[in-house]
N, C-alpha and C. Protein backbone atom coordinates (compact mmCIF):
# COMPACT_ATOMS: atom_id res chain seq x y z
N MET A 1 17.17 -2.11 24.05
CA MET A 1 17.37 -0.71 23.75
C MET A 1 17.34 0.06 25.04
N LEU A 2 18.36 0.85 25.25
CA LEU A 2 18.47 1.68 26.44
C LEU A 2 18.44 3.13 25.98
N ARG A 3 17.37 3.84 26.32
CA ARG A 3 17.17 5.21 25.85
C ARG A 3 16.90 6.12 27.04
N GLY A 4 17.29 7.38 26.92
CA GLY A 4 17.01 8.33 27.97
C GLY A 4 17.97 9.50 27.92
N PRO A 5 17.81 10.42 28.84
CA PRO A 5 18.62 11.64 28.85
C PRO A 5 20.11 11.36 29.06
N SER A 6 20.92 12.30 28.61
CA SER A 6 22.34 12.27 28.89
C SER A 6 22.53 12.27 30.40
N GLY A 7 23.42 11.41 30.88
CA GLY A 7 23.70 11.35 32.32
C GLY A 7 22.73 10.50 33.11
N SER A 8 21.86 9.76 32.42
CA SER A 8 20.86 8.97 33.15
C SER A 8 21.33 7.57 33.51
N GLY A 9 22.46 7.13 32.95
CA GLY A 9 23.00 5.81 33.30
C GLY A 9 22.93 4.78 32.20
N LYS A 10 22.58 5.18 31.00
CA LYS A 10 22.43 4.23 29.89
C LYS A 10 23.74 3.52 29.55
N THR A 11 24.79 4.29 29.36
CA THR A 11 26.07 3.70 28.95
C THR A 11 26.64 2.83 30.06
N THR A 12 26.56 3.28 31.29
CA THR A 12 27.03 2.49 32.42
C THR A 12 26.27 1.17 32.49
N THR A 13 24.95 1.23 32.31
CA THR A 13 24.13 0.02 32.32
C THR A 13 24.48 -0.88 31.15
N ALA A 14 24.65 -0.30 29.96
CA ALA A 14 24.98 -1.10 28.78
C ALA A 14 26.29 -1.85 28.97
N MET A 15 27.28 -1.17 29.52
CA MET A 15 28.57 -1.83 29.75
C MET A 15 28.46 -2.93 30.80
N ALA A 16 27.65 -2.70 31.83
CA ALA A 16 27.45 -3.73 32.86
C ALA A 16 26.69 -4.93 32.29
N LEU A 17 25.71 -4.68 31.43
CA LEU A 17 24.99 -5.79 30.77
C LEU A 17 25.94 -6.60 29.90
N ARG A 18 26.76 -5.89 29.17
CA ARG A 18 27.71 -6.58 28.28
C ARG A 18 28.70 -7.43 29.09
N ARG A 19 29.17 -6.90 30.21
CA ARG A 19 30.05 -7.70 31.07
C ARG A 19 29.32 -8.94 31.58
N ARG A 20 28.07 -8.77 31.96
CA ARG A 20 27.28 -9.89 32.49
C ARG A 20 27.09 -10.96 31.42
N TRP A 21 26.76 -10.53 30.20
CA TRP A 21 26.46 -11.49 29.13
C TRP A 21 27.71 -12.00 28.43
N GLY A 22 28.79 -11.24 28.43
CA GLY A 22 30.05 -11.68 27.85
C GLY A 22 30.10 -11.68 26.34
N ARG A 23 30.99 -12.50 25.81
CA ARG A 23 31.18 -12.58 24.35
C ARG A 23 29.86 -12.93 23.67
N GLY A 24 29.73 -12.43 22.46
CA GLY A 24 28.49 -12.67 21.72
C GLY A 24 27.46 -11.58 21.95
N THR A 25 27.87 -10.51 22.64
CA THR A 25 26.98 -9.39 22.89
C THR A 25 27.60 -8.14 22.28
N GLY A 26 26.92 -7.56 21.31
CA GLY A 26 27.38 -6.33 20.69
C GLY A 26 26.82 -5.12 21.41
N LEU A 27 27.58 -4.05 21.42
CA LEU A 27 27.14 -2.80 22.03
C LEU A 27 27.22 -1.70 20.97
N VAL A 28 26.07 -1.13 20.64
CA VAL A 28 25.99 -0.07 19.64
C VAL A 28 25.60 1.21 20.36
N SER A 29 26.55 2.13 20.45
CA SER A 29 26.35 3.37 21.17
C SER A 29 26.09 4.51 20.19
N GLN A 30 24.99 5.22 20.38
CA GLN A 30 24.68 6.37 19.55
C GLN A 30 25.84 7.36 19.55
N ASP A 31 26.41 7.64 20.72
CA ASP A 31 27.52 8.59 20.81
C ASP A 31 28.72 8.15 19.98
N THR A 32 29.04 6.87 20.04
CA THR A 32 30.18 6.37 19.28
C THR A 32 29.94 6.52 17.78
N VAL A 33 28.77 6.12 17.33
CA VAL A 33 28.46 6.20 15.90
C VAL A 33 28.39 7.65 15.44
N ARG A 34 27.63 8.45 16.15
CA ARG A 34 27.37 9.82 15.72
C ARG A 34 28.57 10.74 15.93
N ARG A 35 29.12 10.71 17.15
CA ARG A 35 30.17 11.68 17.49
C ARG A 35 31.56 11.22 17.08
N GLU A 36 31.87 9.94 17.26
CA GLU A 36 33.23 9.48 17.00
C GLU A 36 33.44 8.98 15.58
N ILE A 37 32.55 8.15 15.08
CA ILE A 37 32.73 7.61 13.74
C ILE A 37 32.42 8.67 12.68
N LEU A 38 31.29 9.35 12.84
CA LEU A 38 30.84 10.28 11.79
C LEU A 38 31.11 11.76 12.07
N ARG A 39 31.34 12.12 13.33
CA ARG A 39 31.44 13.54 13.72
C ARG A 39 30.25 14.32 13.20
N GLU A 40 29.08 13.79 13.46
CA GLU A 40 27.83 14.36 12.95
C GLU A 40 27.03 14.94 14.10
N ARG A 41 26.35 16.03 13.86
CA ARG A 41 25.40 16.58 14.83
C ARG A 41 24.15 15.71 14.80
N ASP A 42 23.39 15.74 15.89
CA ASP A 42 22.16 14.95 15.96
C ASP A 42 21.05 15.73 15.26
N ILE A 43 20.84 15.41 13.99
CA ILE A 43 19.88 16.13 13.16
C ILE A 43 18.87 15.17 12.57
N PRO A 44 17.68 15.66 12.24
CA PRO A 44 16.70 14.81 11.55
C PRO A 44 17.30 14.27 10.25
N GLY A 45 17.13 12.98 10.02
CA GLY A 45 17.64 12.35 8.81
C GLY A 45 19.14 12.17 8.79
N GLY A 46 19.80 12.30 9.94
CA GLY A 46 21.25 12.15 10.00
C GLY A 46 21.72 10.78 9.54
N VAL A 47 22.92 10.75 9.00
CA VAL A 47 23.51 9.51 8.50
C VAL A 47 23.63 8.48 9.62
N ASN A 48 23.86 8.94 10.85
CA ASN A 48 24.05 8.01 11.98
C ASN A 48 22.83 7.12 12.21
N ILE A 49 21.64 7.61 11.88
CA ILE A 49 20.43 6.82 12.12
C ILE A 49 20.47 5.53 11.29
N GLY A 50 20.77 5.67 10.01
CA GLY A 50 20.87 4.49 9.15
C GLY A 50 22.05 3.60 9.51
N LEU A 51 23.16 4.22 9.95
CA LEU A 51 24.33 3.43 10.31
C LEU A 51 24.06 2.62 11.58
N ILE A 52 23.38 3.20 12.55
CA ILE A 52 23.01 2.45 13.76
C ILE A 52 22.14 1.26 13.37
N ASP A 53 21.16 1.49 12.51
CA ASP A 53 20.29 0.42 12.03
C ASP A 53 21.11 -0.69 11.35
N THR A 54 22.01 -0.30 10.47
CA THR A 54 22.83 -1.27 9.73
C THR A 54 23.72 -2.08 10.67
N ILE A 55 24.36 -1.40 11.62
CA ILE A 55 25.23 -2.11 12.57
C ILE A 55 24.41 -3.10 13.39
N CYS A 56 23.25 -2.67 13.89
CA CYS A 56 22.40 -3.57 14.67
C CYS A 56 21.98 -4.79 13.85
N ARG A 57 21.49 -4.55 12.65
CA ARG A 57 21.03 -5.67 11.80
C ARG A 57 22.16 -6.63 11.44
N HIS A 58 23.31 -6.08 11.10
CA HIS A 58 24.44 -6.94 10.75
C HIS A 58 24.88 -7.78 11.95
N THR A 59 24.95 -7.15 13.11
CA THR A 59 25.39 -7.84 14.31
C THR A 59 24.39 -8.92 14.73
N LEU A 60 23.10 -8.59 14.68
CA LEU A 60 22.08 -9.59 14.97
C LEU A 60 22.14 -10.74 13.96
N GLY A 61 22.34 -10.40 12.68
CA GLY A 61 22.42 -11.41 11.64
C GLY A 61 23.61 -12.35 11.81
N ALA A 62 24.64 -11.88 12.49
CA ALA A 62 25.82 -12.72 12.77
C ALA A 62 25.62 -13.56 14.02
N GLY A 63 24.43 -13.47 14.63
CA GLY A 63 24.13 -14.31 15.79
C GLY A 63 24.43 -13.69 17.14
N TYR A 64 24.79 -12.43 17.16
CA TYR A 64 25.06 -11.75 18.42
C TYR A 64 23.76 -11.24 19.05
N ASP A 65 23.81 -11.06 20.35
CA ASP A 65 22.82 -10.25 21.04
C ASP A 65 23.28 -8.81 20.88
N VAL A 66 22.36 -7.85 20.90
CA VAL A 66 22.72 -6.46 20.66
C VAL A 66 22.11 -5.57 21.73
N ILE A 67 22.94 -4.70 22.26
CA ILE A 67 22.48 -3.62 23.14
C ILE A 67 22.69 -2.34 22.35
N VAL A 68 21.63 -1.58 22.11
CA VAL A 68 21.76 -0.28 21.47
C VAL A 68 21.39 0.76 22.51
N GLU A 69 22.25 1.78 22.67
CA GLU A 69 22.01 2.76 23.72
C GLU A 69 22.31 4.17 23.24
N GLY A 70 21.53 5.11 23.78
CA GLY A 70 21.74 6.52 23.49
C GLY A 70 20.53 7.33 23.88
N ILE A 71 20.62 8.62 23.71
CA ILE A 71 19.45 9.47 23.93
C ILE A 71 18.37 9.04 22.95
N LEU A 72 18.74 8.87 21.70
CA LEU A 72 17.86 8.33 20.65
C LEU A 72 16.45 8.93 20.69
N PRO A 73 16.33 10.26 20.52
CA PRO A 73 15.01 10.89 20.59
C PRO A 73 14.00 10.22 19.67
N ALA A 74 12.82 9.94 20.20
CA ALA A 74 11.79 9.22 19.44
C ALA A 74 11.41 9.95 18.16
N ALA A 75 11.41 11.27 18.18
CA ALA A 75 11.02 12.02 16.98
C ALA A 75 11.95 11.73 15.81
N ARG A 76 13.24 11.51 16.07
CA ARG A 76 14.20 11.26 15.00
C ARG A 76 14.50 9.77 14.80
N TYR A 77 14.63 9.04 15.88
CA TYR A 77 15.06 7.64 15.81
C TYR A 77 13.91 6.65 15.90
N GLY A 78 12.74 7.11 16.33
CA GLY A 78 11.61 6.22 16.53
C GLY A 78 11.25 5.35 15.34
N PRO A 79 11.09 5.93 14.15
CA PRO A 79 10.74 5.08 13.00
C PRO A 79 11.75 3.95 12.76
N MET A 80 13.05 4.27 12.82
CA MET A 80 14.07 3.25 12.63
C MET A 80 14.02 2.20 13.74
N LEU A 81 13.88 2.66 14.98
CA LEU A 81 13.85 1.71 16.10
C LEU A 81 12.62 0.82 16.04
N HIS A 82 11.47 1.37 15.69
CA HIS A 82 10.25 0.56 15.56
C HIS A 82 10.40 -0.48 14.45
N ARG A 83 11.00 -0.10 13.32
CA ARG A 83 11.23 -1.08 12.24
C ARG A 83 12.19 -2.17 12.70
N LEU A 84 13.24 -1.77 13.40
CA LEU A 84 14.22 -2.74 13.90
C LEU A 84 13.54 -3.74 14.83
N ILE A 85 12.70 -3.25 15.72
CA ILE A 85 11.96 -4.13 16.64
C ILE A 85 11.05 -5.07 15.86
N ALA A 86 10.25 -4.51 14.94
CA ALA A 86 9.27 -5.30 14.19
C ALA A 86 9.92 -6.36 13.31
N GLU A 87 11.06 -6.03 12.73
CA GLU A 87 11.70 -6.94 11.77
C GLU A 87 12.70 -7.89 12.41
N HIS A 88 13.00 -7.68 13.69
CA HIS A 88 13.98 -8.52 14.38
C HIS A 88 13.48 -9.95 14.49
N GLY A 89 12.24 -10.13 14.88
CA GLY A 89 11.69 -11.47 15.00
C GLY A 89 12.04 -12.18 16.29
N GLY A 90 12.92 -11.63 17.07
CA GLY A 90 13.29 -12.23 18.35
C GLY A 90 12.84 -11.34 19.49
N PRO A 91 13.16 -11.74 20.69
CA PRO A 91 12.76 -10.94 21.85
C PRO A 91 13.52 -9.62 21.92
N VAL A 92 12.82 -8.59 22.35
CA VAL A 92 13.39 -7.25 22.47
C VAL A 92 12.93 -6.65 23.79
N VAL A 93 13.82 -5.98 24.47
CA VAL A 93 13.47 -5.21 25.66
C VAL A 93 13.84 -3.77 25.40
N VAL A 94 12.88 -2.87 25.59
CA VAL A 94 13.10 -1.45 25.41
C VAL A 94 13.00 -0.80 26.78
N CYS A 95 14.00 0.01 27.14
CA CYS A 95 14.02 0.68 28.44
C CYS A 95 14.13 2.19 28.23
N PHE A 96 13.36 2.92 29.01
CA PHE A 96 13.48 4.37 29.04
C PHE A 96 13.97 4.77 30.42
N PHE A 97 15.08 5.49 30.48
CA PHE A 97 15.66 5.95 31.74
C PHE A 97 15.00 7.28 32.10
N GLU A 98 14.11 7.23 33.05
CA GLU A 98 13.37 8.42 33.49
C GLU A 98 14.07 9.01 34.71
N VAL A 99 14.95 9.96 34.45
CA VAL A 99 15.76 10.55 35.50
C VAL A 99 15.60 12.07 35.43
N PRO A 100 15.27 12.72 36.55
CA PRO A 100 15.11 14.18 36.54
C PRO A 100 16.37 14.89 36.07
N PHE A 101 16.18 16.04 35.43
CA PHE A 101 17.30 16.80 34.87
C PHE A 101 18.37 17.07 35.92
N GLU A 102 17.99 17.51 37.09
CA GLU A 102 18.97 17.85 38.13
C GLU A 102 19.85 16.65 38.47
N GLU A 103 19.26 15.46 38.49
CA GLU A 103 20.02 14.25 38.80
C GLU A 103 20.96 13.90 37.65
N THR A 104 20.54 14.12 36.40
CA THR A 104 21.43 13.84 35.27
C THR A 104 22.66 14.75 35.32
N VAL A 105 22.45 16.00 35.72
CA VAL A 105 23.57 16.96 35.83
C VAL A 105 24.50 16.53 36.95
N ARG A 106 23.94 16.12 38.08
CA ARG A 106 24.76 15.65 39.20
C ARG A 106 25.61 14.45 38.77
N ARG A 107 24.98 13.48 38.11
CA ARG A 107 25.70 12.29 37.66
C ARG A 107 26.78 12.66 36.63
N HIS A 108 26.44 13.58 35.75
CA HIS A 108 27.41 13.99 34.72
C HIS A 108 28.68 14.54 35.36
N GLY A 109 28.54 15.25 36.45
CA GLY A 109 29.69 15.82 37.14
C GLY A 109 30.66 14.78 37.67
N THR A 110 30.24 13.53 37.78
CA THR A 110 31.10 12.46 38.28
C THR A 110 31.79 11.68 37.16
N ARG A 111 31.45 12.00 35.90
CA ARG A 111 31.97 11.23 34.77
C ARG A 111 33.28 11.82 34.24
N GLN A 112 34.05 10.97 33.57
CA GLN A 112 35.32 11.41 32.98
C GLN A 112 35.09 12.50 31.94
N GLN A 113 34.00 12.43 31.20
CA GLN A 113 33.76 13.41 30.14
C GLN A 113 33.02 14.65 30.63
N ALA A 114 33.05 14.91 31.93
CA ALA A 114 32.31 16.04 32.50
C ALA A 114 32.70 17.37 31.86
N ALA A 115 33.94 17.52 31.43
CA ALA A 115 34.37 18.78 30.83
C ALA A 115 34.00 18.91 29.35
N GLU A 116 33.50 17.82 28.75
CA GLU A 116 33.19 17.84 27.32
C GLU A 116 31.94 18.64 26.98
N PHE A 117 30.99 18.70 27.92
CA PHE A 117 29.78 19.48 27.68
C PHE A 117 29.21 19.93 29.01
N THR A 118 28.39 20.97 28.95
CA THR A 118 27.90 21.65 30.16
C THR A 118 26.47 21.26 30.50
N ALA A 119 26.03 21.71 31.66
CA ALA A 119 24.64 21.52 32.06
C ALA A 119 23.70 22.22 31.07
N ALA A 120 24.14 23.37 30.55
CA ALA A 120 23.32 24.07 29.55
C ALA A 120 23.17 23.22 28.29
N ASP A 121 24.24 22.55 27.86
CA ASP A 121 24.14 21.64 26.71
C ASP A 121 23.14 20.54 27.02
N MET A 122 23.27 19.97 28.22
CA MET A 122 22.38 18.87 28.62
C MET A 122 20.92 19.32 28.64
N ARG A 123 20.69 20.55 29.09
CA ARG A 123 19.31 21.08 29.13
C ARG A 123 18.72 21.08 27.72
N GLY A 124 19.52 21.43 26.73
CA GLY A 124 19.05 21.45 25.35
C GLY A 124 18.71 20.08 24.80
N TRP A 125 19.33 19.04 25.35
CA TRP A 125 19.07 17.67 24.88
C TRP A 125 18.01 16.96 25.71
N TYR A 126 17.66 17.53 26.85
CA TYR A 126 16.82 16.81 27.83
C TYR A 126 15.39 16.64 27.33
N LEU A 127 14.94 15.41 27.28
CA LEU A 127 13.57 15.06 26.92
C LEU A 127 12.99 14.22 28.05
N PRO A 128 12.19 14.83 28.94
CA PRO A 128 11.79 14.16 30.17
C PRO A 128 10.88 12.94 30.00
N ASP A 129 10.07 12.89 28.98
CA ASP A 129 9.14 11.76 28.82
C ASP A 129 9.13 11.35 27.36
N ASP A 130 10.25 10.82 26.92
CA ASP A 130 10.42 10.51 25.50
C ASP A 130 10.36 9.00 25.26
N ARG A 131 9.35 8.37 25.82
CA ARG A 131 9.20 6.93 25.64
C ARG A 131 8.97 6.59 24.17
N LEU A 132 9.41 5.41 23.79
CA LEU A 132 9.25 4.95 22.42
C LEU A 132 7.84 4.44 22.16
N GLY A 133 7.17 3.99 23.22
CA GLY A 133 5.83 3.43 23.05
C GLY A 133 5.85 2.00 22.56
N ALA A 134 6.95 1.31 22.79
CA ALA A 134 7.08 -0.09 22.39
C ALA A 134 6.36 -0.96 23.44
N PRO A 135 5.80 -2.08 23.00
CA PRO A 135 5.13 -2.97 23.96
C PRO A 135 6.07 -3.38 25.09
N GLY A 136 5.58 -3.28 26.31
CA GLY A 136 6.36 -3.71 27.47
C GLY A 136 7.53 -2.82 27.83
N GLU A 137 7.58 -1.62 27.31
CA GLU A 137 8.71 -0.72 27.58
C GLU A 137 8.89 -0.55 29.08
N LEU A 138 10.11 -0.79 29.55
CA LEU A 138 10.43 -0.66 30.97
C LEU A 138 10.85 0.77 31.28
N THR A 139 10.44 1.26 32.44
CA THR A 139 10.88 2.56 32.92
C THR A 139 11.92 2.32 34.00
N ILE A 140 13.08 2.94 33.83
CA ILE A 140 14.17 2.82 34.79
C ILE A 140 14.26 4.15 35.53
N GLY A 141 13.95 4.13 36.81
CA GLY A 141 13.94 5.36 37.61
C GLY A 141 15.28 5.65 38.24
N PRO A 142 15.42 6.83 38.82
CA PRO A 142 16.71 7.26 39.37
C PRO A 142 17.13 6.51 40.64
N ALA A 143 16.21 5.86 41.32
CA ALA A 143 16.55 5.19 42.57
C ALA A 143 17.21 3.83 42.37
N LEU A 144 17.09 3.27 41.16
CA LEU A 144 17.68 1.96 40.92
C LEU A 144 19.19 2.05 40.78
N THR A 145 19.89 1.13 41.41
CA THR A 145 21.34 1.05 41.22
C THR A 145 21.61 0.42 39.86
N VAL A 146 22.85 0.49 39.41
CA VAL A 146 23.22 -0.15 38.15
C VAL A 146 22.94 -1.65 38.25
N GLU A 147 23.30 -2.26 39.38
CA GLU A 147 23.10 -3.69 39.55
C GLU A 147 21.61 -4.05 39.51
N ASP A 148 20.77 -3.23 40.17
CA ASP A 148 19.32 -3.47 40.14
C ASP A 148 18.77 -3.32 38.73
N THR A 149 19.27 -2.33 38.01
CA THR A 149 18.83 -2.09 36.64
C THR A 149 19.21 -3.27 35.75
N VAL A 150 20.44 -3.72 35.86
CA VAL A 150 20.90 -4.87 35.07
C VAL A 150 20.06 -6.10 35.41
N ASP A 151 19.82 -6.35 36.69
CA ASP A 151 19.00 -7.49 37.09
C ASP A 151 17.59 -7.40 36.49
N ARG A 152 17.04 -6.20 36.49
CA ARG A 152 15.69 -6.01 35.94
C ARG A 152 15.66 -6.30 34.44
N ILE A 153 16.66 -5.82 33.73
CA ILE A 153 16.72 -6.05 32.29
C ILE A 153 16.98 -7.53 31.99
N VAL A 154 17.93 -8.11 32.69
CA VAL A 154 18.24 -9.53 32.48
C VAL A 154 17.00 -10.38 32.75
N GLY A 155 16.23 -10.03 33.77
CA GLY A 155 15.01 -10.77 34.07
C GLY A 155 13.95 -10.64 32.99
N ALA A 156 14.04 -9.63 32.17
CA ALA A 156 13.04 -9.40 31.12
C ALA A 156 13.48 -9.97 29.76
N VAL A 157 14.75 -10.41 29.65
CA VAL A 157 15.29 -10.90 28.39
C VAL A 157 15.53 -12.40 28.49
N PRO A 158 15.09 -13.15 27.49
CA PRO A 158 15.44 -14.56 27.48
C PRO A 158 16.96 -14.72 27.47
N GLU A 159 17.41 -15.90 27.76
CA GLU A 159 18.83 -16.17 27.85
C GLU A 159 19.59 -15.64 26.63
N PRO A 160 20.66 -14.86 26.83
CA PRO A 160 21.44 -14.36 25.70
C PRO A 160 21.98 -15.50 24.84
N GLY A 161 22.33 -15.17 23.61
CA GLY A 161 22.85 -16.18 22.70
C GLY A 161 21.79 -16.66 21.74
N ARG A 162 20.62 -16.08 21.82
CA ARG A 162 19.53 -16.48 20.94
C ARG A 162 19.12 -15.34 20.02
N GLY A 163 20.02 -14.40 19.80
CA GLY A 163 19.70 -13.27 18.93
C GLY A 163 18.80 -12.26 19.56
N ALA A 164 18.74 -12.23 20.89
CA ALA A 164 17.91 -11.24 21.59
C ALA A 164 18.59 -9.89 21.52
N SER A 165 17.82 -8.83 21.64
CA SER A 165 18.44 -7.51 21.71
C SER A 165 17.82 -6.76 22.86
N ALA A 166 18.62 -5.91 23.48
CA ALA A 166 18.12 -5.08 24.58
C ALA A 166 18.51 -3.66 24.30
């Protein structure tokens, strides 16, 4: 699980992990489910929460490794994520991207979707210390490169192909 503020590097890291692990690795993006599939706002009890859970469980049940990524605020997504972790039965790595707001805005300015939302929008979504509180939760700081982050996560996950999720 890769969680943290918008612009912190979650999606970039998730895509790099998926490239590293190759086929047999599913990627479940909160933005894709919520914004593209459902066109839903991020609200308490939103339909996307259950759909993310269902996609993860189905994909794990088919023998894939799963990367789930997004802001995924603990207040709204925490209960579902904790159940998913507890009921998975396999190894899980939870990461929180702890990146200062100013750095997330700087990074956002370099992305293709920079015109889709503003720094003011990002300020409204920013949760500086929104850890899930899962055992062994890794903190990913702003100084780590994508490659260093991927190496750190890969080092914490048993070999892919065993139904592991990150």
